[in-house]
Amino acid sequence: MGWEEEKLIIAIVLNLLMVIEYVGNGIVTYSPSLMCDALRYTADFISIIVAITAMEVHML
């Protein structure tokens, strides 16, 4: 596994942790702004997954 794949895995893990953190804080504090942040990080997470999938399909 090359350095690019390792960077992508690190990005996925960090982004997923941020999603979990912001969703948890938003639920606990009922804060709309934290939930908006959670949605933004969730969108980032999904875009990373889509980019990886597109890259894998392109390599086939």
Protein backbone atom coordinates (compact mmCIF):
# COMPACT_ATOMS: atom_id res chain seq x y z
CA MET A 1 0.00 0.00 0.00
CA GLY A 2 1.42 3.32 -1.06
CA TRP A 3 1.59 6.61 0.76
CA GLU A 4 -1.46 7.97 -1.13
CA GLU A 5 -3.67 5.16 0.15
CA GLU A 6 -2.40 5.67 3.70
CA LYS A 7 -3.18 9.40 3.51
CA LEU A 8 -6.69 8.60 2.28
CA ILE A 9 -7.27 6.13 5.11
CA ILE A 10 -6.06 8.69 7.67
CA ALA A 11 -8.36 11.32 6.13
CA ILE A 12 -11.33 8.94 6.30
CA VAL A 13 -10.70 8.02 9.93
CA LEU A 14 -10.20 11.63 11.05
CA ASN A 15 -13.27 12.79 9.15
CA LEU A 16 -15.39 9.99 10.59
CA LEU A 17 -14.24 10.87 14.12
CA MET A 18 -15.18 14.52 13.52
CA VAL A 19 -18.62 13.47 12.24
CA ILE A 20 -19.18 11.35 15.35
CA GLU A 21 -17.96 14.13 17.64
CA TYR A 22 -20.13 16.84 16.10
CA VAL A 23 -23.24 14.63 15.90
CA GLY A 24 -22.78 13.62 19.54
CA ASN A 25 -22.23 17.19 20.72
CA GLY A 26 -25.16 18.43 18.64
CA ILE A 27 -27.49 15.83 20.11
CA VAL A 28 -26.32 16.39 23.69
CA THR A 29 -26.48 20.19 23.55
CA TYR A 30 -29.36 20.49 21.03
CA SER A 31 -27.20 22.96 19.14
CA PRO A 32 -28.27 23.61 15.54
CA SER A 33 -24.86 25.03 14.60
CA LEU A 34 -23.09 21.85 15.74
CA MET A 35 -25.53 19.77 13.75
CA CYS A 36 -24.79 21.93 10.68
CA ASP A 37 -21.08 21.25 11.24
CA ALA A 38 -21.87 17.55 11.50
CA LEU A 39 -23.72 17.70 8.18
CA ARG A 40 -20.79 19.50 6.58
CA TYR A 41 -18.30 16.91 7.83
CA THR A 42 -20.64 14.11 6.75
CA ALA A 43 -20.72 15.61 3.26
CA ASP A 44 -16.91 15.79 3.29
CA PHE A 45 -16.76 12.15 4.37
CA ILE A 46 -19.11 11.08 1.57
CA SER A 47 -17.13 13.06 -1.00
CA ILE A 48 -13.90 11.35 0.12
CA ILE A 49 -15.54 7.92 -0.27
CA VAL A 50 -16.85 8.87 -3.73
CA ALA A 51 -13.40 10.12 -4.76
CA ILE A 52 -11.76 6.89 -3.62
CA THR A 53 -14.38 4.80 -5.43
CA ALA A 54 -13.88 6.81 -8.63
CA MET A 55 -10.12 6.41 -8.32
CA GLU A 56 -10.42 2.64 -7.85
CA VAL A 57 -12.79 2.30 -10.82
CA HIS A 58 -10.44 4.42 -12.95
CA MET A 59 -7.55 2.07 -12.12
CA LEU A 60 -9.47 -1.00 -13.36
